[in-house]
Amino acid sequence: MRRSSPRRTSAAHRATAAVAAVLALTLLTPVVAQADDRDDLVEQQRQAERRQAELESSLEGVDAELAETYLRLENARERLPQAEAELAEAEEQLAAAQRRQEQVAGRLELAEAEAASLEEEIATANREISRTETALGELARSTYRGDNAASTLDVVLDASSTEDFLESYSVTTSAVRSQTRVLDELEEATAVTRNQQQRQAAVQDRINELKAEADAAVVQANNARDAAAERKAEIEQIQADMEQLSTELEERQSEYQDQLAEVEQDQEQIASEIARIDEENRRREEARRRAEERRQQQLQQQQQQQQSAPSGGGGSSSGGSSGGGGGSSSSIAPPVSPLYVTSPYGYRVYPITGGWFMHNGVDLRSSCGEAQGAAASGTVSAVRGAYGNGTHGNQVMINHGMINGSSWVTVYNHLSGFAVSEGQTVTQGQTIGYTGATGAVTGCHVHFEVWKNGSTIDPMTLW
């Protein structure tokens, strides 16, 4: 058996692999393209969700009805260019459908004209065939009766001269040729008519196809026309809504300013409460420090007395641990996990007026009813219900005491419910409440504040 050389086998393998790679790439390309399209759609949806969450967070502290008005206006503004792009695309599709409809109608008209022409040609040919067949029938009947049966012998016997014979024979031969030509013409006409009928059938099939295509083109054009009209009506409605909502917001500017003033007042109230807690923490820390100093002095006095007394079996005194008033944890943990910031800490633009205000906490994504944990061990200093608590809604405040020489307090707003009570001691991670949308907010989320030595800090710098 003949064996292929290693070089040739290797080349064949490489060629096979190359073909397989090309085929795989060809088959994979549509799948990859579809995957990319899905990824793009998913990313667009995520971006839209992020924009919506950021917009909702920016309206924290605004009355729900007023916030809803602004959200509707912003959604309309965002939807308008998209609807305009869809309208342009629908109009392009309509124009293309109309062009296709005209082209199909033109081809159908030509096909129907050709069919009519073939029908006329077939009718004319059939009449000619009928006339020829009639003439041949008469000739056949005459021949059968013997009216034209002149034999060669009759021609010879009846001839008076050689010239007369030649003339009679010529006439007879011409008649035979004429009959033969008529038969040939009849056969040719029949064949032509048969071809024309076949063409007519093919043209009729094409006409039927074009009619179906024309009907489909009409449906497509009507659908494109309806889509364009729908997009145009939507744009007109969006524009009308934007005008109405803008007017409504303009009329409610003073109401919005009052609500923002309430937000600032609530923040000042929280700051005052935190300052009070901070002062208490410092007093406790000062009391603890003095108590520790007294304990150390007493310990030193005892040691001195033991040194001056006669040696005996007295035992040494061990120092106790310092009883601090701070939390047992030296770190601040996030109230929920995973962390996804919908609105960061810091100055925030008023979306309606364009002014600025300080966002003292960080807004984190959290579903309604999700448990929130204590950021560190401490004592619950306040549990406030939404009623009468301004823009904060249900609120929990935890005093973590002194940690590494600093006073720490955390605040949790907009809770849907509580899991602790005022004065209760909690440990880090213990559930203190559940995510909600109480107070002046547009949706469920975590509003978390960290106060260090009486001032807010960005919680995200701690993690």
Protein backbone atom coordinates (compact mmCIF):
# COMPACT_ATOMS: atom_id res chain seq x y z
CA MET A 1 0.00 0.00 0.00
CA ARG A 2 1.30 3.43 -0.95
CA ARG A 3 2.02 5.67 2.03
CA SER A 4 1.76 9.47 1.96
CA SER A 5 4.80 11.43 2.90
CA PRO A 6 4.73 13.15 6.34
CA ARG A 7 5.06 16.55 4.65
CA ARG A 8 2.06 15.94 2.41
CA THR A 9 0.01 14.55 5.32
CA SER A 10 0.88 17.55 7.46
CA ALA A 11 -0.15 19.96 4.69
CA ALA A 12 -3.42 18.08 4.27
CA HIS A 13 -4.07 18.32 7.98
CA ARG A 14 -3.37 22.05 7.94
CA ALA A 15 -5.68 22.53 4.97
CA THR A 16 -8.43 20.54 6.68
CA ALA A 17 -7.98 22.54 9.86
CA ALA A 18 -8.09 25.79 7.90
CA VAL A 19 -11.31 24.78 6.15
CA ALA A 20 -12.81 23.70 9.47
CA ALA A 21 -11.81 27.03 11.02
CA VAL A 22 -13.39 28.97 8.16
CA LEU A 23 -16.58 26.92 8.41
CA ALA A 24 -16.65 27.35 12.17
CA LEU A 25 -16.15 31.09 11.81
CA THR A 26 -18.88 31.26 9.16
CA LEU A 27 -21.30 29.36 11.35
CA LEU A 28 -20.30 31.25 14.46
CA THR A 29 -20.54 34.75 12.98
CA PRO A 30 -24.36 34.98 13.10
CA VAL A 31 -24.33 33.59 16.63
CA VAL A 32 -21.69 36.10 17.72
CA ALA A 33 -23.60 38.91 16.00
CA GLN A 34 -26.79 37.88 17.77
CA ALA A 35 -24.95 37.68 21.08
CA ASP A 36 -23.50 41.15 20.51
CA ASP A 37 -26.98 42.49 19.74
CA ARG A 38 -28.34 40.94 22.93
CA ASP A 39 -25.43 42.34 24.93
CA ASP A 40 -26.07 45.80 23.45
CA LEU A 41 -29.75 45.61 24.37
CA VAL A 42 -28.92 44.43 27.88
CA GLU A 43 -26.39 47.23 28.32
CA GLN A 44 -28.88 49.81 27.02
CA GLN A 45 -31.43 48.52 29.50
CA ARG A 46 -28.90 48.71 32.33
CA GLN A 47 -27.99 52.27 31.37
CA ALA A 48 -31.65 53.23 31.30
CA GLU A 49 -32.14 51.67 34.74
CA ARG A 50 -29.10 53.52 36.06
CA ARG A 51 -30.34 56.84 34.67
CA GLN A 52 -33.76 56.23 36.17
CA ALA A 53 -32.30 55.32 39.57
CA GLU A 54 -30.02 58.38 39.55
CA LEU A 55 -32.91 60.62 38.55
CA GLU A 56 -35.16 59.21 41.26
CA SER A 57 -32.40 59.61 43.86
CA SER A 58 -31.86 63.22 42.81
CA LEU A 59 -35.49 63.92 43.74
CA GLU A 60 -35.09 62.74 47.34
CA GLY A 61 -36.84 65.19 49.60
CA VAL A 62 -39.38 66.24 46.96
CA ASP A 63 -43.09 65.60 47.31
CA ALA A 64 -44.05 62.35 45.52
CA GLU A 65 -46.60 64.05 43.24
CA LEU A 66 -44.18 66.78 42.22
CA ALA A 67 -41.41 64.23 41.75
CA GLU A 68 -43.70 62.15 39.54
CA THR A 69 -44.42 65.21 37.40
CA TYR A 70 -40.74 65.89 36.91
CA LEU A 71 -39.96 62.22 36.20
CA ARG A 72 -42.67 62.15 33.55
CA LEU A 73 -41.20 65.27 31.97
CA GLU A 74 -37.67 63.85 31.96
CA ASN A 75 -38.87 60.53 30.58
CA ALA A 76 -40.69 62.40 27.83
CA ARG A 77 -37.55 64.38 27.02
CA GLU A 78 -35.54 61.17 26.86
CA ARG A 79 -38.16 59.39 24.79
CA LEU A 80 -38.57 62.21 22.24
CA PRO A 81 -35.28 61.76 20.28
CA GLN A 82 -35.77 58.01 20.29
CA ALA A 83 -39.29 58.39 18.92
CA GLU A 84 -38.01 60.84 16.28
CA ALA A 85 -35.37 58.32 15.21
CA GLU A 86 -38.03 55.61 15.02
CA LEU A 87 -40.19 57.94 12.93
CA ALA A 88 -37.33 58.56 10.49
CA GLU A 89 -36.76 54.82 10.22
CA ALA A 90 -40.48 54.18 9.72
CA GLU A 91 -40.61 56.81 6.97
CA GLU A 92 -37.63 55.20 5.24
CA GLN A 93 -39.34 51.82 5.43
CA LEU A 94 -42.52 53.38 4.06
CA ALA A 95 -40.65 54.93 1.13
CA ALA A 96 -38.93 51.61 0.40
CA ALA A 97 -42.25 49.75 0.60
CA GLN A 98 -43.86 52.25 -1.76
CA ARG A 99 -40.99 51.91 -4.23
CA ARG A 100 -41.29 48.13 -4.10
CA GLN A 101 -45.04 48.38 -4.57
CA GLU A 102 -44.57 50.58 -7.66
CA GLN A 103 -41.93 48.24 -9.09
CA VAL A 104 -44.12 45.17 -8.61
CA ALA A 105 -47.10 47.02 -10.09
CA GLY A 106 -45.00 47.96 -13.13
CA ARG A 107 -43.84 44.38 -13.68
CA LEU A 108 -47.40 43.15 -13.25
CA GLU A 109 -48.67 45.63 -15.85
CA LEU A 110 -46.02 44.49 -18.36
CA ALA A 111 -46.82 40.84 -17.71
CA GLU A 112 -50.55 41.41 -18.17
CA ALA A 113 -49.89 43.32 -21.42
CA GLU A 114 -47.75 40.43 -22.66
CA ALA A 115 -50.49 37.98 -21.72
CA ALA A 116 -53.08 40.02 -23.63
CA SER A 117 -50.79 40.20 -26.68
CA LEU A 118 -50.21 36.44 -26.59
CA GLU A 119 -53.94 35.85 -26.31
CA GLU A 120 -54.57 37.95 -29.42
CA GLU A 121 -51.77 36.21 -31.32
CA ILE A 122 -53.14 32.80 -30.35
CA ALA A 123 -56.65 33.80 -31.43
CA THR A 124 -55.37 35.02 -34.83
CA ALA A 125 -53.33 31.85 -35.31
CA ASN A 126 -56.31 29.69 -34.38
CA ARG A 127 -58.45 31.45 -36.95
CA GLU A 128 -55.77 30.89 -39.60
CA ILE A 129 -55.45 27.23 -38.64
CA SER A 130 -59.21 26.85 -38.82
CA ARG A 131 -59.32 28.40 -42.30
CA THR A 132 -56.49 26.18 -43.54
CA GLU A 133 -58.07 23.09 -42.07
CA THR A 134 -61.34 23.99 -43.87
CA ALA A 135 -59.54 24.38 -47.19
CA LEU A 136 -57.72 21.09 -46.74
CA GLY A 137 -60.99 19.43 -45.89
CA GLU A 138 -62.56 20.63 -49.10
CA LEU A 139 -59.53 19.42 -51.04
CA ALA A 140 -59.70 16.04 -49.37
CA ARG A 141 -63.38 15.68 -50.16
CA SER A 142 -62.81 16.69 -53.83
CA THR A 143 -59.99 14.20 -54.12
CA TYR A 144 -62.19 11.50 -52.62
CA ARG A 145 -64.93 12.23 -55.19
CA GLY A 146 -62.36 12.16 -57.97
CA ASP A 147 -62.94 15.73 -59.07
CA ASN A 148 -59.20 16.40 -59.22
CA ALA A 149 -57.95 12.87 -59.89
CA ALA A 150 -55.95 13.39 -63.13
CA SER A 151 -53.48 10.57 -63.57
CA THR A 152 -50.26 10.77 -65.50
CA LEU A 153 -51.79 8.50 -68.20
CA ASP A 154 -54.71 10.90 -68.67
CA VAL A 155 -52.27 13.76 -69.07
CA VAL A 156 -50.37 11.82 -71.79
CA LEU A 157 -53.44 10.68 -73.67
CA ASP A 158 -55.18 14.02 -73.57
CA ALA A 159 -52.11 15.95 -74.76
CA SER A 160 -52.26 17.05 -78.41
CA SER A 161 -48.61 17.83 -78.54
CA THR A 162 -45.46 17.68 -76.53
CA GLU A 163 -45.89 21.28 -75.46
CA ASP A 164 -49.46 20.56 -74.37
CA PHE A 165 -48.24 17.59 -72.30
CA LEU A 166 -45.54 19.59 -70.58
CA GLU A 167 -47.94 22.39 -69.71
CA SER A 168 -50.57 20.01 -68.29
CA TYR A 169 -47.94 18.13 -66.29
CA SER A 170 -46.58 21.39 -64.89
CA VAL A 171 -50.04 22.45 -63.72
CA THR A 172 -50.61 19.14 -62.02
CA THR A 173 -47.22 19.29 -60.26
CA SER A 174 -47.89 22.87 -59.05
CA ALA A 175 -51.19 21.80 -57.56
CA VAL A 176 -49.48 19.02 -55.65
CA ARG A 177 -46.79 21.41 -54.43
CA SER A 178 -49.45 23.90 -53.29
CA GLN A 179 -51.21 21.21 -51.31
CA THR A 180 -47.95 20.16 -49.70
CA ARG A 181 -47.09 23.78 -48.82
CA VAL A 182 -50.50 24.27 -47.22
CA LEU A 183 -49.93 21.20 -45.09
CA ASP A 184 -46.47 22.48 -44.04
CA GLU A 185 -47.91 25.87 -43.15
CA LEU A 186 -50.64 24.21 -41.12
CA GLU A 187 -48.10 22.15 -39.19
CA GLU A 188 -45.90 25.20 -38.60
CA ALA A 189 -48.84 27.32 -37.46
CA THR A 190 -49.92 24.58 -35.08
CA ALA A 191 -46.41 24.36 -33.60
CA VAL A 192 -46.20 28.16 -33.21
CA THR A 193 -49.60 28.22 -31.54
CA ARG A 194 -48.52 25.47 -29.16
CA ASN A 195 -45.40 27.48 -28.19
CA GLN A 196 -47.51 30.59 -27.70
CA GLN A 197 -49.87 28.69 -25.42
CA GLN A 198 -46.94 27.46 -23.37
CA ARG A 199 -45.61 31.01 -23.11
CA GLN A 200 -49.10 32.16 -22.17
CA ALA A 201 -49.23 29.61 -19.33
CA ALA A 202 -45.79 30.70 -18.06
CA VAL A 203 -46.79 34.36 -18.24
CA GLN A 204 -50.01 33.60 -16.37
CA ASP A 205 -48.01 31.85 -13.63
CA ARG A 206 -45.76 34.91 -13.41
CA ILE A 207 -48.83 37.14 -13.23
CA ASN A 208 -50.18 35.11 -10.33
CA GLU A 209 -46.81 35.39 -8.54
CA LEU A 210 -46.67 39.13 -9.17
CA LYS A 211 -50.23 39.57 -7.89
CA ALA A 212 -49.29 37.78 -4.67
CA GLU A 213 -46.13 39.90 -4.43
CA ALA A 214 -48.16 43.03 -5.11
CA ASP A 215 -50.61 42.13 -2.35
CA ALA A 216 -47.71 41.57 0.06
CA ALA A 217 -46.18 44.90 -0.99
CA VAL A 218 -49.48 46.64 -0.29
CA VAL A 219 -49.66 45.06 3.17
CA GLN A 220 -46.05 46.02 3.88
CA ALA A 221 -46.63 49.59 2.72
CA ASN A 222 -49.78 49.87 4.83
CA ASN A 223 -47.95 48.53 7.89
CA ALA A 224 -45.09 50.95 7.33
CA ARG A 225 -47.58 53.77 6.87
CA ASP A 226 -49.36 52.82 10.10
CA ALA A 227 -46.04 52.60 11.98
CA ALA A 228 -44.99 56.03 10.73
CA ALA A 229 -48.37 57.49 11.67
CA GLU A 230 -48.12 55.90 15.13
CA ARG A 231 -44.64 57.32 15.73
CA LYS A 232 -45.76 60.74 14.50
CA ALA A 233 -48.78 60.67 16.82
CA GLU A 234 -46.53 59.60 19.70
CA ILE A 235 -44.16 62.49 19.05
CA GLU A 236 -47.04 64.94 18.97
CA GLN A 237 -48.33 63.50 22.26
CA ILE A 238 -44.86 63.67 23.84
CA GLN A 239 -44.49 67.29 22.81
CA ALA A 240 -47.93 68.12 24.18
CA ASP A 241 -47.12 66.32 27.46
CA MET A 242 -43.80 68.14 27.77
CA GLU A 243 -45.49 71.49 27.31
CA GLN A 244 -48.15 70.65 29.89
CA LEU A 245 -45.66 69.23 32.41
CA SER A 246 -43.28 72.17 31.98
CA THR A 247 -46.15 74.56 32.66
CA GLU A 248 -47.17 72.57 35.72
CA LEU A 249 -43.63 72.58 37.12
CA GLU A 250 -43.31 76.29 36.47
CA GLU A 251 -46.50 76.92 38.39
CA ARG A 252 -45.26 74.78 41.31
CA GLN A 253 -41.80 76.34 41.65
CA SER A 254 -42.68 77.98 44.96
CA GLU A 255 -43.98 74.66 46.30
CA TYR A 256 -40.74 72.98 45.26
CA GLN A 257 -38.67 75.68 46.97
CA ASP A 258 -40.64 75.13 50.17
CA GLN A 259 -39.96 71.40 50.01
CA LEU A 260 -36.24 71.97 49.50
CA ALA A 261 -36.22 74.33 52.45
CA GLU A 262 -37.83 71.52 54.47
CA VAL A 263 -35.02 69.17 53.37
CA GLU A 264 -32.41 71.63 54.60
CA GLN A 265 -34.31 72.10 57.86
CA ASP A 266 -34.44 68.33 58.38
CA GLN A 267 -30.70 68.09 57.77
CA GLU A 268 -30.06 70.81 60.33
CA GLN A 269 -32.23 68.94 62.82
CA ILE A 270 -30.23 65.75 62.27
CA ALA A 271 -26.96 67.67 62.60
CA SER A 272 -28.17 69.15 65.91
CA GLU A 273 -29.13 65.69 67.18
CA ILE A 274 -25.78 64.25 66.12
CA ALA A 275 -23.99 67.13 67.85
CA ARG A 276 -25.86 66.30 71.07
CA ILE A 277 -24.89 62.63 70.78
CA ASP A 278 -21.33 63.59 69.98
CA GLU A 279 -21.18 65.79 73.09
CA GLU A 280 -22.53 62.93 75.22
CA ASN A 281 -19.95 60.58 73.78
CA ARG A 282 -17.21 63.02 74.62
CA ARG A 283 -18.49 63.50 78.16
CA ARG A 284 -18.61 59.74 78.63
CA GLU A 285 -15.16 59.41 77.17
CA GLU A 286 -13.90 62.16 79.49
CA ALA A 287 -15.55 60.47 82.48
CA ARG A 288 -14.02 57.14 81.46
CA ARG A 289 -10.60 58.78 81.12
CA ARG A 290 -10.80 60.35 84.56
CA ALA A 291 -11.98 57.10 86.09
CA GLU A 292 -9.04 55.36 84.48
CA GLU A 293 -6.65 58.00 85.84
CA ARG A 294 -8.06 57.54 89.37
CA ARG A 295 -7.74 53.77 89.04
CA GLN A 296 -4.13 54.13 87.92
CA GLN A 297 -3.39 56.45 90.86
CA GLN A 298 -4.94 53.99 93.30
CA LEU A 299 -2.93 51.19 91.75
CA GLN A 300 0.29 53.17 92.14
CA GLN A 301 -0.51 53.95 95.79
CA GLN A 302 -1.14 50.28 96.49
CA GLN A 303 2.16 49.35 94.87
CA GLN A 304 4.00 51.97 96.95
CA GLN A 305 2.43 50.73 100.17
CA GLN A 306 3.35 47.17 99.35
CA GLN A 307 6.93 48.19 98.69
CA SER A 308 7.22 50.06 102.07
CA ALA A 309 5.55 47.30 104.11
CA PRO A 310 7.53 44.33 105.58
CA SER A 311 7.93 41.51 103.14
CA GLY A 312 5.15 39.07 103.51
CA GLY A 313 2.76 36.96 101.55
CA GLY A 314 0.80 39.82 100.03
CA GLY A 315 -0.33 39.21 96.50
CA SER A 316 0.08 41.62 93.68
CA SER A 317 -3.02 43.45 92.35
CA SER A 318 -3.88 43.06 88.70
CA GLY A 319 -5.22 45.98 86.73
CA GLY A 320 -8.76 45.69 85.30
CA SER A 321 -9.68 46.32 81.71
CA SER A 322 -10.78 49.79 80.84
CA GLY A 323 -14.54 50.07 80.44
CA GLY A 324 -15.00 52.16 77.37
CA GLY A 325 -18.24 53.72 76.32
CA GLY A 326 -17.56 53.11 72.64
CA GLY A 327 -18.62 50.36 70.31
CA SER A 328 -16.90 47.01 70.32
CA SER A 329 -16.09 47.21 66.60
CA SER A 330 -13.29 49.30 65.19
CA SER A 331 -14.72 49.38 61.65
CA ILE A 332 -17.88 50.56 59.91
CA ALA A 333 -19.56 47.99 57.65
CA PRO A 334 -22.12 48.71 54.89
CA PRO A 335 -25.78 48.10 55.81
CA VAL A 336 -26.48 45.97 52.70
CA SER A 337 -24.52 43.90 50.22
CA PRO A 338 -23.63 43.96 47.38
CA LEU A 339 -22.90 47.68 47.13
CA TYR A 340 -24.39 49.56 44.18
CA VAL A 341 -24.46 53.34 44.48
CA THR A 342 -27.47 55.04 42.89
CA SER A 343 -26.63 58.48 44.28
CA PRO A 344 -23.24 59.34 45.80
CA TYR A 345 -22.35 61.41 48.81
CA GLY A 346 -21.75 65.11 48.22
CA TYR A 347 -23.33 68.12 46.63
CA ARG A 348 -26.28 67.33 44.41
CA VAL A 349 -27.97 69.44 41.76
CA TYR A 350 -31.63 70.25 42.29
CA PRO A 351 -33.04 68.76 39.08
CA ILE A 352 -35.94 71.19 38.82
CA THR A 353 -34.34 74.51 39.77
CA GLY A 354 -30.69 73.73 39.03
CA GLY A 355 -29.58 74.76 42.53
CA TRP A 356 -27.29 72.80 44.83
CA PHE A 357 -27.72 71.03 48.15
CA MET A 358 -25.64 68.69 50.26
CA HIS A 359 -26.50 65.00 50.13
CA ASN A 360 -25.26 63.91 53.54
CA GLY A 361 -25.42 60.19 52.83
CA VAL A 362 -25.07 57.65 50.08
CA ASP A 363 -28.01 55.98 48.33
CA LEU A 364 -27.56 52.26 47.71
CA ARG A 365 -29.64 49.94 45.58
CA SER A 366 -31.80 47.69 47.72
CA SER A 367 -35.10 45.96 47.07
CA CYS A 368 -38.15 46.74 49.18
CA GLY A 369 -38.17 44.72 52.39
CA GLU A 370 -34.47 43.81 52.33
CA ALA A 371 -32.88 43.64 55.79
CA GLN A 372 -30.41 46.37 56.72
CA GLY A 373 -27.68 45.63 59.26
CA ALA A 374 -26.06 47.81 61.89
CA ALA A 375 -22.81 49.28 60.57
CA ALA A 376 -21.08 48.62 63.92
CA SER A 377 -21.90 47.70 67.50
CA GLY A 378 -23.54 50.41 69.54
CA THR A 379 -26.73 51.71 71.10
CA VAL A 380 -29.89 52.68 69.24
CA SER A 381 -30.28 56.35 70.09
CA ALA A 382 -33.44 57.03 68.03
CA VAL A 383 -36.24 55.13 66.28
CA ARG A 384 -38.54 57.61 64.54
CA GLY A 385 -41.67 56.87 62.56
CA ALA A 386 -42.33 58.51 59.21
CA TYR A 387 -45.22 60.62 60.49
CA GLY A 388 -43.89 63.98 61.58
CA ASN A 389 -40.32 63.08 60.65
CA GLY A 390 -40.08 65.35 57.64
CA THR A 391 -38.46 63.95 54.53
CA HIS A 392 -36.59 61.12 56.30
CA GLY A 393 -39.45 58.70 56.71
CA ASN A 394 -38.89 55.81 59.13
CA GLN A 395 -35.47 56.41 60.64
CA VAL A 396 -33.00 54.61 62.89
CA MET A 397 -29.99 56.31 64.49
CA ILE A 398 -27.22 54.30 66.16
CA ASN A 399 -24.58 55.71 68.50
CA HIS A 400 -21.39 53.69 68.19
CA GLY A 401 -19.59 55.70 70.84
CA MET A 402 -15.88 56.42 70.62
CA ILE A 403 -13.89 54.33 68.18
CA ASN A 404 -10.15 55.03 67.94
CA GLY A 405 -10.63 58.38 69.61
CA SER A 406 -13.50 59.56 67.37
CA SER A 407 -17.25 59.72 67.94
CA TRP A 408 -19.26 57.69 65.37
CA VAL A 409 -22.99 57.77 64.59
CA THR A 410 -24.83 56.12 61.67
CA VAL A 411 -28.28 57.01 60.29
CA TYR A 412 -30.68 54.87 58.22
CA ASN A 413 -33.64 56.59 56.47
CA HIS A 414 -36.80 55.61 54.52
CA LEU A 415 -37.15 52.21 56.18
CA SER A 416 -40.32 50.20 55.61
CA GLY A 417 -40.20 48.81 59.14
CA PHE A 418 -38.11 48.54 62.32
CA ALA A 419 -36.33 45.59 63.96
CA VAL A 420 -34.94 47.46 67.01
CA SER A 421 -36.16 49.87 69.66
CA GLU A 422 -34.67 52.99 71.20
CA GLY A 423 -32.03 52.27 73.84
CA GLN A 424 -31.35 48.75 72.55
CA THR A 425 -27.77 47.52 72.25
CA VAL A 426 -26.93 46.06 68.85
CA THR A 427 -23.98 44.23 67.36
CA GLN A 428 -22.41 44.77 63.97
CA GLY A 429 -24.54 43.26 61.18
CA GLN A 430 -27.63 42.84 63.36
CA THR A 431 -30.84 43.68 61.46
CA ILE A 432 -32.11 47.10 62.51
CA GLY A 433 -34.83 47.60 59.88
CA TYR A 434 -35.98 46.93 56.32
CA THR A 435 -35.57 48.84 53.08
CA GLY A 436 -38.52 50.98 52.12
CA ALA A 437 -39.67 54.18 50.45
CA THR A 438 -41.11 56.14 53.36
CA GLY A 439 -40.64 59.89 53.49
CA ALA A 440 -40.06 62.07 50.45
CA VAL A 441 -38.60 59.54 48.02
CA THR A 442 -39.68 57.99 44.72
CA GLY A 443 -38.67 54.37 45.32
CA CYS A 444 -37.17 51.83 47.69
CA HIS A 445 -33.47 52.29 48.42
CA VAL A 446 -30.97 52.61 51.29
CA HIS A 447 -30.11 56.10 52.49
CA PHE A 448 -27.12 55.65 54.77
CA GLU A 449 -25.23 58.39 56.62
CA VAL A 450 -21.98 58.20 58.62
CA TRP A 451 -21.19 60.97 61.10
CA LYS A 452 -17.69 61.24 62.53
CA ASN A 453 -17.04 63.79 65.29
CA GLY A 454 -20.26 65.63 64.42
CA SER A 455 -19.71 65.89 60.66
CA THR A 456 -20.75 63.68 57.77
CA ILE A 457 -18.20 61.73 55.73
CA ASP A 458 -18.49 59.76 52.53
CA PRO A 459 -19.31 56.18 53.60
CA MET A 460 -17.76 54.80 50.41
CA THR A 461 -14.30 55.88 51.63
CA LEU A 462 -14.64 53.32 54.45
CA TRP A 463 -15.01 50.27 52.19
